[in-house]
Amino acid sequence: MEVFVSIKKLIEAMKFSTTIANTNNANALLLGVLIEVNENKITFKTTNNQVSGYKEISDGFEYFSSGKILVTAKILLGLISKLKDKSVLLKQVDTNILLIKTENFETQINTMNIESFPSLNFSLEDYVKISLPHQIMQEINAKVLPNVLNSQGIEKIQPISGVLIDTETLDNQLIAIGTDKIKASCLTKPYLGEKFKFIISYSTMKLIMEVLRNVEYSNNQIVDFYVRNKSLVFKVNDAILQTRMIDGVYPNVYSIFNETNEEKNYVFDRRLLIEIIERGMNIVMQEQNPKISIKIENNEAEISLTTFEIGNMKEKMPIINLSNANVEFIVNPSLLAHVLKNFENNDVNFKVKDEILRPIIFIDAKDLGFKQILSRIKN
């Protein structure tokens, strides 16, 4: 194998590969990238047993001879990432040695046994194609994923450890839901494509967004998913991620977001409330289960935090009382701040029912397609 390739294109391919291969894995082979060179393209394959990746370079190289090698992805990326040259020579000089050479730089690294590397098939035959705008993927990542239970390291991943992406429940609408059993997000966007419903794991979703950061794309670009049985393939440009959907039935979280006429409705200044919470956290920072009480009377909210060891804090802020009703509720201050920071706009509607067991619904006043909920604490 011998090829003279653009360093810029090689770095892009290796960054993609290390997002998959650069994990804490006891199997050294799964830290490797399988590089295969032929006359028309250079391909890069990686896997960590949960997610597999494929990337190719179809131009920007000079081909000399075919072949394939398996090298540690992180090492190869580390060697080439600081080179100032425009191109680099990759040459297999022995069955287990790779030569890496530019005009001013030369090194050799050991390769690994290809025969032991898993056989990876990235064919999209018989898959159903689903296309999502990149902007929706960004919103799912920013608004829904922060409320998903991250079960990384657990052998059997439960449905709640992923994001539900669903276009079957509502006509011409895409729903994305994530929850950790205490708080939850629901994003609704217009959608006219294929009908589907699947659960994608937290770690895979993070990996997809990492891939999007490492490949060139435009903001209005379409991100393609391919579905077959429980297999799920994600594709953008010449990069492919292959994984499996999470098995099982997602909890019926969507019904909790349904509003009735029973909720009392209040509009809060999000940034001001976050400032108050952050001041109050100095009072309750040592508490194992901190609490914040919000008491609404007329168009004013009194926010209070109390501990026996440090003391207490009370602060008032103006609100808009759309229901002309008074109410008091208790929540976790850290989780409330987390929920508020997920919104982009400043005005946030709080929908509160009298029933103590009903969570509070939070709605972006300028983006009604994004809602969150947070469980209340009994007094």
Protein backbone atom coordinates (compact mmCIF):
# COMPACT_ATOMS: atom_id res chain seq x y z
CA MET A 1 0.00 0.00 0.00
CA GLU A 2 1.34 3.42 -0.97
CA VAL A 3 -0.48 6.75 -1.33
CA PHE A 4 0.39 10.48 -1.27
CA VAL A 5 -2.58 12.25 0.33
CA SER A 6 -3.70 15.75 1.34
CA ILE A 7 -2.98 16.26 5.05
CA LYS A 8 -6.13 18.36 5.44
CA LYS A 9 -8.34 15.56 4.09
CA LEU A 10 -6.46 12.91 6.09
CA ILE A 11 -6.88 14.89 9.33
CA GLU A 12 -10.62 15.25 8.68
CA ALA A 13 -10.93 11.48 8.16
CA MET A 14 -8.87 10.70 11.24
CA LYS A 15 -10.84 13.11 13.46
CA PHE A 16 -13.98 11.27 12.41
CA SER A 17 -12.33 7.90 13.14
CA THR A 18 -11.09 8.89 16.59
CA THR A 19 -14.59 9.97 17.69
CA ILE A 20 -15.45 6.27 17.49
CA ALA A 21 -12.18 4.46 18.12
CA ASN A 22 -10.81 6.78 20.82
CA THR A 23 -12.77 5.25 23.70
CA ASN A 24 -11.74 3.42 26.85
CA ASN A 25 -11.74 -0.06 25.38
CA ALA A 26 -9.80 -3.03 26.69
CA ASN A 27 -9.60 -4.48 23.17
CA ALA A 28 -6.69 -2.72 21.41
CA LEU A 29 -8.12 -3.60 18.00
CA LEU A 30 -11.12 -1.42 18.69
CA LEU A 31 -8.80 1.57 19.10
CA GLY A 32 -7.70 1.08 15.52
CA VAL A 33 -8.75 2.43 12.14
CA LEU A 34 -8.71 0.16 9.09
CA ILE A 35 -7.33 2.19 6.17
CA GLU A 36 -7.80 0.72 2.70
CA VAL A 37 -6.35 2.28 -0.45
CA ASN A 38 -7.38 1.61 -4.02
CA GLU A 39 -7.19 3.55 -7.26
CA ASN A 40 -10.47 5.44 -6.75
CA LYS A 41 -10.65 6.14 -3.02
CA ILE A 42 -9.20 5.76 0.46
CA THR A 43 -11.59 4.34 3.07
CA PHE A 44 -11.45 4.46 6.87
CA LYS A 45 -13.40 1.99 9.04
CA THR A 46 -13.72 1.98 12.83
CA THR A 47 -15.90 0.39 15.49
CA ASN A 48 -16.30 0.26 19.28
CA ASN A 49 -18.87 -2.60 19.21
CA GLN A 50 -21.75 -0.15 19.79
CA VAL A 51 -21.16 2.21 16.87
CA SER A 52 -19.24 1.63 13.63
CA GLY A 53 -17.98 4.34 11.31
CA TYR A 54 -17.03 4.72 7.65
CA LYS A 55 -15.31 7.67 5.95
CA GLU A 56 -13.78 7.99 2.52
CA ILE A 57 -11.47 10.29 0.57
CA SER A 58 -12.31 10.32 -3.13
CA ASP A 59 -9.94 13.08 -4.32
CA GLY A 60 -6.88 14.97 -3.14
CA PHE A 61 -4.53 11.99 -3.30
CA GLU A 62 -2.01 10.36 -5.62
CA TYR A 63 -2.35 6.58 -5.84
CA PHE A 64 0.67 4.27 -6.17
CA SER A 65 -0.45 0.84 -4.95
CA SER A 66 -3.41 -0.83 -3.24
CA GLY A 67 -3.52 -2.38 0.20
CA LYS A 68 -4.93 -2.01 3.70
CA ILE A 69 -3.50 -1.52 7.18
CA LEU A 70 -4.83 -1.33 10.75
CA VAL A 71 -3.26 1.35 12.97
CA THR A 72 -4.15 3.03 16.25
CA ALA A 73 -6.35 5.98 15.26
CA LYS A 74 -5.26 8.36 18.02
CA ILE A 75 -1.55 7.83 17.31
CA LEU A 76 -1.87 8.49 13.58
CA LEU A 77 -3.96 11.63 14.16
CA GLY A 78 -1.47 12.89 16.74
CA LEU A 79 1.44 12.48 14.33
CA ILE A 80 -0.13 14.27 11.36
CA SER A 81 -2.21 16.97 13.07
CA LYS A 82 0.72 19.35 13.64
CA LEU A 83 2.45 18.89 10.27
CA LYS A 84 2.81 22.06 8.18
CA ASP A 85 3.13 20.24 4.84
CA LYS A 86 0.20 20.05 2.40
CA SER A 87 0.52 16.31 1.70
CA VAL A 88 1.97 13.20 3.35
CA LEU A 89 3.13 9.82 2.09
CA LEU A 90 1.63 6.71 3.69
CA LYS A 91 3.51 3.55 2.71
CA GLN A 92 3.40 0.02 4.04
CA VAL A 93 7.08 -0.99 4.12
CA ASP A 94 6.58 -4.33 5.83
CA THR A 95 3.67 -6.51 6.91
CA ASN A 96 3.50 -4.63 10.23
CA ILE A 97 5.15 -1.23 9.61
CA LEU A 98 3.67 2.00 8.20
CA LEU A 99 5.95 4.75 6.91
CA ILE A 100 4.66 8.30 7.35
CA LYS A 101 6.76 10.82 5.42
CA THR A 102 6.78 14.44 4.25
CA GLU A 103 9.60 16.62 2.94
CA ASN A 104 10.78 17.48 6.47
CA PHE A 105 9.29 14.67 8.58
CA GLU A 106 9.57 10.90 8.67
CA THR A 107 8.44 8.25 11.12
CA GLN A 108 7.42 4.59 11.22
CA ILE A 109 4.71 3.06 13.38
CA ASN A 110 3.67 -0.51 13.98
CA THR A 111 0.44 -1.80 12.49
CA MET A 112 -1.96 -4.37 13.95
CA ASN A 113 -3.24 -7.72 12.70
CA ILE A 114 -6.04 -7.05 10.20
CA GLU A 115 -7.38 -10.60 10.40
CA SER A 116 -8.67 -10.04 13.93
CA PHE A 117 -10.52 -6.80 13.10
CA PRO A 118 -14.33 -7.14 12.91
CA SER A 119 -15.88 -7.46 9.45
CA LEU A 120 -17.90 -4.28 8.83
CA ASN A 121 -20.57 -3.92 6.14
CA PHE A 122 -21.79 -0.42 5.33
CA SER A 123 -24.12 -1.32 2.46
CA LEU A 124 -27.41 0.62 2.54
CA GLU A 125 -29.32 -1.93 0.47
CA ASP A 126 -32.90 -2.57 1.74
CA TYR A 127 -32.73 0.39 4.14
CA VAL A 128 -35.51 3.00 4.27
CA LYS A 129 -34.14 6.54 3.91
CA ILE A 130 -35.19 9.27 6.36
CA SER A 131 -34.04 12.85 5.82
CA LEU A 132 -33.88 15.43 8.61
CA PRO A 133 -32.73 19.04 8.31
CA HIS A 134 -29.47 19.65 10.12
CA GLN A 135 -31.18 22.45 12.09
CA ILE A 136 -33.58 19.91 13.69
CA MET A 137 -30.62 17.73 14.68
CA GLN A 138 -29.00 20.74 16.34
CA GLU A 139 -32.18 21.55 18.25
CA ILE A 140 -32.57 17.96 19.47
CA ASN A 141 -28.99 18.06 20.68
CA ALA A 142 -29.32 21.44 22.43
CA LYS A 143 -32.85 21.16 23.85
CA VAL A 144 -33.75 17.46 24.28
CA LEU A 145 -30.48 15.64 24.93
CA PRO A 146 -29.61 17.58 28.14
CA ASN A 147 -32.62 15.97 29.87
CA VAL A 148 -31.82 12.38 28.78
CA LEU A 149 -30.64 9.80 31.29
CA ASN A 150 -27.05 8.93 30.33
CA SER A 151 -26.59 5.20 30.97
CA GLN A 152 -23.10 4.95 29.48
CA GLY A 153 -21.29 1.95 30.91
CA ILE A 154 -24.48 0.02 31.68
CA GLU A 155 -24.52 -3.27 29.79
CA LYS A 156 -28.22 -3.21 28.82
CA ILE A 157 -29.39 0.23 27.76
CA GLN A 158 -33.02 0.99 28.63
CA PRO A 159 -35.39 2.99 26.37
CA ILE A 160 -35.31 5.90 28.81
CA SER A 161 -31.57 6.23 28.10
CA GLY A 162 -32.24 7.59 24.64
CA VAL A 163 -34.08 10.17 22.58
CA LEU A 164 -37.42 9.18 21.07
CA ILE A 165 -37.76 10.62 17.55
CA ASP A 166 -41.32 10.09 16.32
CA THR A 167 -43.26 11.19 13.21
CA GLU A 168 -46.11 8.69 13.64
CA THR A 169 -48.00 10.19 16.60
CA LEU A 170 -48.88 13.58 15.06
CA ASP A 171 -49.69 14.29 11.41
CA ASN A 172 -46.98 16.29 9.64
CA GLN A 173 -45.10 16.76 12.91
CA LEU A 174 -41.84 15.41 14.30
CA ILE A 175 -41.68 14.86 18.05
CA ALA A 176 -38.39 14.45 19.92
CA ILE A 177 -38.60 13.52 23.62
CA GLY A 178 -35.99 12.93 26.29
CA THR A 179 -36.29 12.37 30.03
CA ASP A 180 -34.37 11.29 33.12
CA LYS A 181 -37.57 10.54 35.13
CA ILE A 182 -37.39 13.88 37.01
CA LYS A 183 -37.37 16.34 34.13
CA ALA A 184 -38.13 16.01 30.42
CA SER A 185 -38.03 17.86 27.09
CA CYS A 186 -40.45 17.75 24.17
CA LEU A 187 -39.56 19.35 20.83
CA THR A 188 -42.19 19.50 18.07
CA LYS A 189 -41.27 20.55 14.53
CA PRO A 190 -43.10 20.54 11.16
CA TYR A 191 -42.20 17.42 9.11
CA LEU A 192 -43.54 16.07 5.80
CA GLY A 193 -41.28 13.06 5.24
CA GLU A 194 -41.39 9.32 5.98
CA LYS A 195 -43.29 7.94 8.98
CA PHE A 196 -40.98 6.46 11.61
CA LYS A 197 -40.41 6.02 15.33
CA PHE A 198 -37.12 5.01 16.92
CA ILE A 199 -35.06 5.49 20.08
CA ILE A 200 -31.45 6.55 19.67
CA SER A 201 -29.08 6.28 22.63
CA TYR A 202 -27.59 9.28 24.41
CA SER A 203 -24.03 8.28 23.51
CA THR A 204 -24.87 7.71 19.84
CA MET A 205 -26.61 11.08 19.58
CA LYS A 206 -23.57 12.80 21.10
CA LEU A 207 -21.36 10.96 18.64
CA ILE A 208 -23.52 12.05 15.69
CA MET A 209 -23.21 15.68 16.76
CA GLU A 210 -19.45 15.25 17.16
CA VAL A 211 -19.28 13.89 13.61
CA LEU A 212 -21.27 16.87 12.33
CA ARG A 213 -18.72 19.17 13.94
CA ASN A 214 -15.86 17.35 12.20
CA VAL A 215 -17.23 17.32 8.65
CA GLU A 216 -18.00 20.19 6.33
CA TYR A 217 -21.70 20.99 6.00
CA SER A 218 -24.03 23.94 5.56
CA ASN A 219 -26.72 24.95 8.06
CA ASN A 220 -29.52 23.98 5.68
CA GLN A 221 -27.98 20.62 4.78
CA ILE A 222 -30.05 17.46 5.05
CA VAL A 223 -28.86 14.71 7.39
CA ASP A 224 -29.82 11.24 6.16
CA PHE A 225 -30.83 8.30 8.36
CA TYR A 226 -31.36 4.79 7.00
CA VAL A 227 -33.53 2.32 8.92
CA ARG A 228 -33.88 -1.46 8.61
CA ASN A 229 -35.36 -3.58 11.40
CA LYS A 230 -33.40 -2.41 14.47
CA SER A 231 -30.39 -1.15 12.51
CA LEU A 232 -29.89 2.59 12.19
CA VAL A 233 -27.41 4.27 9.85
CA PHE A 234 -26.59 7.96 9.92
CA LYS A 235 -24.99 9.58 6.86
CA VAL A 236 -23.67 13.05 6.13
CA ASN A 237 -21.51 13.74 3.09
CA ASP A 238 -19.07 10.81 2.86
CA ALA A 239 -19.28 9.87 6.55
CA ILE A 240 -21.42 7.00 7.86
CA LEU A 241 -22.27 5.92 11.41
CA GLN A 242 -23.92 2.55 11.95
CA THR A 243 -25.60 1.51 15.20
CA ARG A 244 -28.70 -0.18 16.60
CA MET A 245 -31.86 1.40 17.92
CA ILE A 246 -32.63 0.89 21.59
CA ASP A 247 -35.05 -2.01 22.03
CA GLY A 248 -38.21 -1.61 24.08
CA VAL A 249 -41.13 0.78 24.46
CA TYR A 250 -40.49 4.40 25.39
CA PRO A 251 -42.40 5.65 28.48
CA ASN A 252 -45.60 7.58 27.72
CA VAL A 253 -44.00 10.93 28.51
CA TYR A 254 -45.72 12.85 25.72
CA SER A 255 -49.10 12.74 27.46
CA ILE A 256 -47.66 14.65 30.43
CA PHE A 257 -46.97 17.61 28.16
CA ASN A 258 -50.63 17.86 27.15
CA GLU A 259 -52.12 21.03 28.56
CA THR A 260 -55.65 21.41 29.92
CA ASN A 261 -57.61 24.37 31.19
CA GLU A 262 -56.70 23.41 34.75
CA GLU A 263 -53.18 24.89 34.72
CA LYS A 264 -52.46 28.28 36.17
CA ASN A 265 -50.27 30.29 33.80
CA TYR A 266 -47.41 32.61 34.77
CA VAL A 267 -44.70 34.33 32.72
CA PHE A 268 -41.24 34.58 34.30
CA ASP A 269 -38.17 36.56 33.30
CA ARG A 270 -35.85 33.60 32.75
CA ARG A 271 -32.52 35.39 33.20
CA LEU A 272 -33.62 37.16 36.39
CA LEU A 273 -34.87 33.93 37.95
CA ILE A 274 -31.59 32.14 37.07
CA GLU A 275 -29.65 34.93 38.81
CA ILE A 276 -31.79 34.55 41.94
CA ILE A 277 -31.37 30.76 41.94
CA GLU A 278 -27.60 31.03 41.57
CA ARG A 279 -27.43 33.41 44.53
CA GLY A 280 -29.58 31.07 46.57
CA MET A 281 -27.44 28.04 45.74
CA ASN A 282 -24.80 29.50 48.06
CA ILE A 283 -27.27 28.88 50.90
CA VAL A 284 -28.20 25.29 50.00
CA MET A 285 -25.03 24.07 48.30
CA GLN A 286 -24.28 21.61 51.11
CA GLU A 287 -27.78 20.15 51.15
CA GLN A 288 -28.15 16.65 49.73
CA ASN A 289 -31.69 17.40 48.54
CA PRO A 290 -31.94 21.20 48.16
CA LYS A 291 -35.33 22.85 47.76
CA ILE A 292 -36.53 26.15 46.39
CA SER A 293 -39.99 27.50 47.18
CA ILE A 294 -41.75 29.84 44.74
CA LYS A 295 -44.82 31.60 46.13
CA ILE A 296 -46.89 33.65 43.68
CA GLU A 297 -49.25 36.39 44.83
CA ASN A 298 -50.77 38.72 42.27
CA ASN A 299 -47.94 39.80 39.92
CA GLU A 300 -45.06 38.99 42.23
CA ALA A 301 -43.12 35.81 43.05
CA GLU A 302 -41.29 35.28 46.32
CA ILE A 303 -38.36 32.87 45.95
CA SER A 304 -37.02 31.36 49.17
CA LEU A 305 -34.31 28.83 50.10
CA THR A 306 -33.71 27.66 53.65
CA THR A 307 -31.24 25.41 55.50
CA PHE A 308 -30.76 24.77 59.20
CA GLU A 309 -26.96 24.96 59.01
CA ILE A 310 -26.38 28.13 56.97
CA GLY A 311 -29.57 30.17 57.05
CA ASN A 312 -32.13 31.36 54.56
CA MET A 313 -32.64 33.69 51.61
CA LYS A 314 -35.76 35.36 50.25
CA GLU A 315 -36.01 37.46 47.14
CA LYS A 316 -38.94 38.85 45.17
CA MET A 317 -39.33 39.37 41.45
CA PRO A 318 -42.11 40.69 39.20
CA ILE A 319 -43.99 38.20 37.01
CA ILE A 320 -47.03 38.23 34.73
CA ASN A 321 -49.93 36.40 36.36
CA LEU A 322 -52.04 35.41 33.34
CA SER A 323 -54.47 33.35 35.43
CA ASN A 324 -54.97 35.96 38.16
CA ALA A 325 -54.47 33.16 40.71
CA ASN A 326 -52.04 32.58 43.56
CA VAL A 327 -49.99 29.41 43.96
CA GLU A 328 -46.96 27.98 45.75
CA PHE A 329 -44.70 25.11 44.66
CA ILE A 330 -41.36 23.55 45.61
CA VAL A 331 -38.73 22.14 43.22
CA ASN A 332 -35.03 21.33 43.16
CA PRO A 333 -33.16 24.62 42.49
CA SER A 334 -30.33 23.05 40.47
CA LEU A 335 -32.79 21.23 38.21
CA LEU A 336 -34.92 24.35 37.81
CA ALA A 337 -31.85 26.33 36.70
CA HIS A 338 -30.96 23.50 34.30
CA VAL A 339 -34.43 23.62 32.74
CA LEU A 340 -34.39 27.42 32.41
CA LYS A 341 -30.97 27.44 30.75
CA ASN A 342 -32.26 25.10 28.03
CA PHE A 343 -34.49 27.88 26.68
CA GLU A 344 -33.24 30.45 24.19
CA ASN A 345 -35.74 33.27 24.73
CA ASN A 346 -36.15 35.22 27.94
CA ASP A 347 -39.91 34.91 28.61
CA VAL A 348 -40.89 31.45 29.88
CA ASN A 349 -44.42 30.34 30.75
CA PHE A 350 -44.87 28.24 33.91
CA LYS A 351 -48.01 26.06 33.76
CA VAL A 352 -48.89 24.88 37.30
CA LYS A 353 -51.70 22.56 38.40
CA ASP A 354 -53.05 22.41 41.94
CA GLU A 355 -52.28 18.69 42.16
CA ILE A 356 -48.94 18.27 43.96
CA LEU A 357 -48.03 15.18 41.97
CA ARG A 358 -48.39 16.93 38.59
CA PRO A 359 -45.10 18.32 37.25
CA ILE A 360 -44.72 21.92 36.17
CA ILE A 361 -44.80 22.54 32.42
CA PHE A 362 -42.39 25.15 31.03
CA ILE A 363 -42.97 26.68 27.59
CA ASP A 364 -40.84 29.10 25.61
CA ALA A 365 -43.22 32.04 25.10
CA LYS A 366 -41.79 32.67 21.60
CA ASP A 367 -41.32 29.02 20.59
CA LEU A 368 -44.41 27.01 21.49
CA GLY A 369 -42.91 23.89 19.90
CA PHE A 370 -40.48 23.45 22.78
CA LYS A 371 -41.67 22.42 26.24
CA GLN A 372 -40.04 21.02 29.37
CA ILE A 373 -41.42 19.53 32.56
CA LEU A 374 -39.98 19.28 36.07
CA SER A 375 -41.28 17.18 38.95
CA ARG A 376 -42.34 18.98 42.10
CA ILE A 377 -41.23 18.22 45.65
CA LYS A 378 -43.78 17.58 48.38
CA ASN A 379 -43.76 20.18 51.12
